[in-house]
Amino acid sequence: MSTPSKNPALACFLSVLWPGLGQVYNGQTMKAFCFMIIALVTVLIALYVSLPFFIYAAYDAYSTAKKVNSGKLTPY
């Protein structure tokens, strides 16, 4: 009995969608679990680190637009 063939492009595509999905497709569930946990942790860390910056950028854009509209600041 032979193992079913796997499509390498599909395995790659699935891992691009979320790390570990390609490993699930290939039948490597333990490796997939590790990849998925590591990906989740790195995304949460990146979100935790970058979220204050994104909030500040939105606040800055808002307050600058108000100043430009009121004539207190020129846009250039």
N, C-alpha and C. Protein backbone atom coordinates (compact mmCIF):
# COMPACT_ATOMS: atom_id res chain seq x y z
N MET A 1 0.84 -1.18 0.00
CA MET A 1 0.00 0.00 0.00
C MET A 1 0.89 1.25 0.00
N SER A 2 0.69 2.13 -0.96
CA SER A 2 1.51 3.33 -1.06
C SER A 2 0.79 4.52 -0.41
N THR A 3 1.60 5.45 0.02
CA THR A 3 1.04 6.66 0.61
C THR A 3 0.54 7.56 -0.51
N PRO A 4 -0.58 8.25 -0.27
CA PRO A 4 -1.08 9.16 -1.31
C PRO A 4 -0.09 10.30 -1.55
N SER A 5 0.01 10.73 -2.79
CA SER A 5 0.95 11.81 -3.11
C SER A 5 0.40 13.14 -2.60
N LYS A 6 1.30 14.02 -2.28
CA LYS A 6 0.95 15.35 -1.76
C LYS A 6 1.37 16.39 -2.78
N ASN A 7 0.60 17.43 -2.89
CA ASN A 7 0.89 18.53 -3.80
C ASN A 7 1.77 19.54 -3.06
N PRO A 8 3.06 19.66 -3.45
CA PRO A 8 3.96 20.58 -2.75
C PRO A 8 3.48 22.03 -2.79
N ALA A 9 2.89 22.45 -3.93
CA ALA A 9 2.42 23.83 -4.04
C ALA A 9 1.27 24.08 -3.06
N LEU A 10 0.38 23.10 -2.91
CA LEU A 10 -0.72 23.25 -1.97
C LEU A 10 -0.21 23.28 -0.53
N ALA A 11 0.76 22.43 -0.23
CA ALA A 11 1.36 22.43 1.11
C ALA A 11 1.97 23.79 1.43
N CYS A 12 2.66 24.35 0.44
CA CYS A 12 3.28 25.68 0.62
C CYS A 12 2.20 26.74 0.81
N PHE A 13 1.19 26.72 -0.05
CA PHE A 13 0.11 27.70 0.03
C PHE A 13 -0.58 27.66 1.39
N LEU A 14 -0.86 26.46 1.88
CA LEU A 14 -1.51 26.33 3.18
C LEU A 14 -0.64 26.91 4.29
N SER A 15 0.67 26.70 4.20
CA SER A 15 1.57 27.24 5.22
C SER A 15 1.70 28.75 5.11
N VAL A 16 1.49 29.29 3.91
CA VAL A 16 1.49 30.76 3.77
C VAL A 16 0.25 31.33 4.44
N LEU A 17 -0.88 30.63 4.31
CA LEU A 17 -2.11 31.09 4.98
C LEU A 17 -1.93 31.12 6.49
N TRP A 18 -1.37 30.06 7.04
CA TRP A 18 -1.04 30.01 8.47
C TRP A 18 0.00 28.93 8.67
N PRO A 19 1.13 29.27 9.27
CA PRO A 19 2.17 28.25 9.51
C PRO A 19 1.61 27.04 10.25
N GLY A 20 1.90 25.88 9.72
CA GLY A 20 1.43 24.64 10.32
C GLY A 20 0.35 23.95 9.49
N LEU A 21 -0.39 24.73 8.69
CA LEU A 21 -1.44 24.11 7.89
C LEU A 21 -0.86 23.17 6.83
N GLY A 22 0.27 23.55 6.26
CA GLY A 22 0.92 22.67 5.30
C GLY A 22 1.38 21.38 5.95
N GLN A 23 1.82 21.46 7.20
CA GLN A 23 2.24 20.27 7.93
C GLN A 23 1.03 19.38 8.24
N VAL A 24 -0.11 19.98 8.55
CA VAL A 24 -1.33 19.20 8.75
C VAL A 24 -1.67 18.45 7.47
N TYR A 25 -1.61 19.16 6.35
CA TYR A 25 -1.88 18.55 5.04
C TYR A 25 -0.94 17.37 4.78
N ASN A 26 0.31 17.52 5.20
CA ASN A 26 1.30 16.45 5.00
C ASN A 26 1.20 15.34 6.03
N GLY A 27 0.33 15.50 7.03
CA GLY A 27 0.15 14.47 8.03
C GLY A 27 1.09 14.56 9.22
N GLN A 28 1.78 15.68 9.38
CA GLN A 28 2.72 15.87 10.48
C GLN A 28 2.04 16.71 11.57
N THR A 29 1.16 16.08 12.32
CA THR A 29 0.33 16.84 13.25
C THR A 29 1.11 17.44 14.42
N MET A 30 2.09 16.73 14.94
CA MET A 30 2.85 17.28 16.06
C MET A 30 3.69 18.48 15.61
N LYS A 31 4.33 18.36 14.46
CA LYS A 31 5.10 19.49 13.92
C LYS A 31 4.15 20.65 13.62
N ALA A 32 2.97 20.35 13.08
CA ALA A 32 1.98 21.39 12.78
C ALA A 32 1.58 22.13 14.05
N PHE A 33 1.32 21.38 15.10
CA PHE A 33 0.93 21.99 16.38
C PHE A 33 2.01 22.95 16.86
N CYS A 34 3.26 22.53 16.79
CA CYS A 34 4.38 23.39 17.23
C CYS A 34 4.46 24.65 16.37
N PHE A 35 4.36 24.50 15.05
CA PHE A 35 4.41 25.65 14.16
C PHE A 35 3.27 26.62 14.45
N MET A 36 2.09 26.07 14.66
CA MET A 36 0.92 26.92 14.91
C MET A 36 1.04 27.68 16.23
N ILE A 37 1.54 27.02 17.25
CA ILE A 37 1.73 27.70 18.55
C ILE A 37 2.77 28.80 18.43
N ILE A 38 3.89 28.49 17.77
CA ILE A 38 4.94 29.50 17.60
C ILE A 38 4.41 30.69 16.80
N ALA A 39 3.65 30.42 15.73
CA ALA A 39 3.08 31.49 14.93
C ALA A 39 2.13 32.34 15.76
N LEU A 40 1.29 31.69 16.55
CA LEU A 40 0.34 32.42 17.38
C LEU A 40 1.06 33.31 18.39
N VAL A 41 2.08 32.78 19.02
CA VAL A 41 2.84 33.56 20.02
C VAL A 41 3.51 34.76 19.35
N THR A 42 4.11 34.55 18.18
CA THR A 42 4.79 35.68 17.53
C THR A 42 3.80 36.74 17.06
N VAL A 43 2.63 36.32 16.59
CA VAL A 43 1.60 37.29 16.18
C VAL A 43 1.13 38.08 17.40
N LEU A 44 0.90 37.41 18.51
CA LEU A 44 0.45 38.12 19.72
C LEU A 44 1.50 39.09 20.22
N ILE A 45 2.76 38.68 20.17
CA ILE A 45 3.84 39.58 20.60
C ILE A 45 3.91 40.79 19.68
N ALA A 46 3.84 40.54 18.37
CA ALA A 46 3.90 41.65 17.41
C ALA A 46 2.72 42.59 17.60
N LEU A 47 1.55 42.03 17.86
CA LEU A 47 0.37 42.86 18.09
C LEU A 47 0.53 43.68 19.36
N TYR A 48 1.03 43.06 20.41
CA TYR A 48 1.23 43.74 21.69
C TYR A 48 2.24 44.88 21.54
N VAL A 49 3.29 44.64 20.76
CA VAL A 49 4.33 45.65 20.59
C VAL A 49 3.86 46.76 19.65
N SER A 50 3.15 46.41 18.59
CA SER A 50 2.81 47.41 17.57
C SER A 50 1.48 48.12 17.81
N LEU A 51 0.59 47.54 18.60
CA LEU A 51 -0.72 48.15 18.80
C LEU A 51 -0.64 49.58 19.35
N PRO A 52 0.18 49.87 20.34
CA PRO A 52 0.27 51.27 20.81
C PRO A 52 0.72 52.23 19.69
N PHE A 53 1.62 51.78 18.84
CA PHE A 53 2.06 52.62 17.72
C PHE A 53 0.92 52.89 16.76
N PHE A 54 0.14 51.88 16.42
CA PHE A 54 -0.99 52.06 15.51
C PHE A 54 -2.03 53.00 16.12
N ILE A 55 -2.26 52.87 17.40
CA ILE A 55 -3.21 53.76 18.07
C ILE A 55 -2.70 55.20 18.05
N TYR A 56 -1.41 55.38 18.33
CA TYR A 56 -0.83 56.73 18.30
C TYR A 56 -0.89 57.32 16.89
N ALA A 57 -0.58 56.51 15.88
CA ALA A 57 -0.62 57.00 14.49
C ALA A 57 -2.02 57.46 14.12
N ALA A 58 -3.04 56.72 14.54
CA ALA A 58 -4.42 57.11 14.25
C ALA A 58 -4.78 58.41 14.98
N TYR A 59 -4.39 58.51 16.25
CA TYR A 59 -4.64 59.73 17.02
C TYR A 59 -3.93 60.92 16.39
N ASP A 60 -2.69 60.74 15.99
CA ASP A 60 -1.92 61.82 15.38
C ASP A 60 -2.57 62.29 14.08
N ALA A 61 -3.00 61.34 13.24
CA ALA A 61 -3.66 61.70 11.98
C ALA A 61 -4.94 62.48 12.24
N TYR A 62 -5.71 62.04 13.23
CA TYR A 62 -6.96 62.71 13.58
C TYR A 62 -6.70 64.14 14.07
N SER A 63 -5.79 64.27 15.03
CA SER A 63 -5.54 65.61 15.60
C SER A 63 -4.88 66.54 14.59
N THR A 64 -4.02 66.01 13.73
CA THR A 64 -3.40 66.85 12.71
C THR A 64 -4.44 67.34 11.70
N ALA A 65 -5.36 66.46 11.30
CA ALA A 65 -6.42 66.87 10.36
C ALA A 65 -7.27 67.98 10.96
N LYS A 66 -7.58 67.89 12.26
CA LYS A 66 -8.35 68.96 12.92
C LYS A 66 -7.58 70.27 12.91
N LYS A 67 -6.26 70.21 13.16
CA LYS A 67 -5.45 71.43 13.16
C LYS A 67 -5.37 72.03 11.76
N VAL A 68 -5.22 71.19 10.75
CA VAL A 68 -5.19 71.69 9.38
C VAL A 68 -6.52 72.35 9.03
N ASN A 69 -7.63 71.73 9.40
CA ASN A 69 -8.96 72.28 9.10
C ASN A 69 -9.20 73.61 9.80
N SER A 70 -8.65 73.78 10.98
CA SER A 70 -8.86 75.02 11.72
C SER A 70 -7.86 76.11 11.34
N GLY A 71 -6.91 75.78 10.48
CA GLY A 71 -5.93 76.76 10.04
C GLY A 71 -4.74 76.91 10.98
N LYS A 72 -4.67 76.11 12.02
CA LYS A 72 -3.56 76.19 12.98
C LYS A 72 -2.29 75.50 12.47
N LEU A 73 -2.43 74.76 11.40
CA LEU A 73 -1.29 74.02 10.86
C LEU A 73 -1.45 73.90 9.36
N THR A 74 -0.36 74.16 8.63
CA THR A 74 -0.42 73.96 7.20
C THR A 74 -0.01 72.52 6.89
N PRO A 75 -0.65 71.90 5.90
CA PRO A 75 -0.37 70.48 5.65
C PRO A 75 1.03 70.20 5.13
N TYR A 76 1.74 71.22 4.63
CA TYR A 76 3.08 70.97 4.07
C TYR A 76 4.14 71.76 4.79
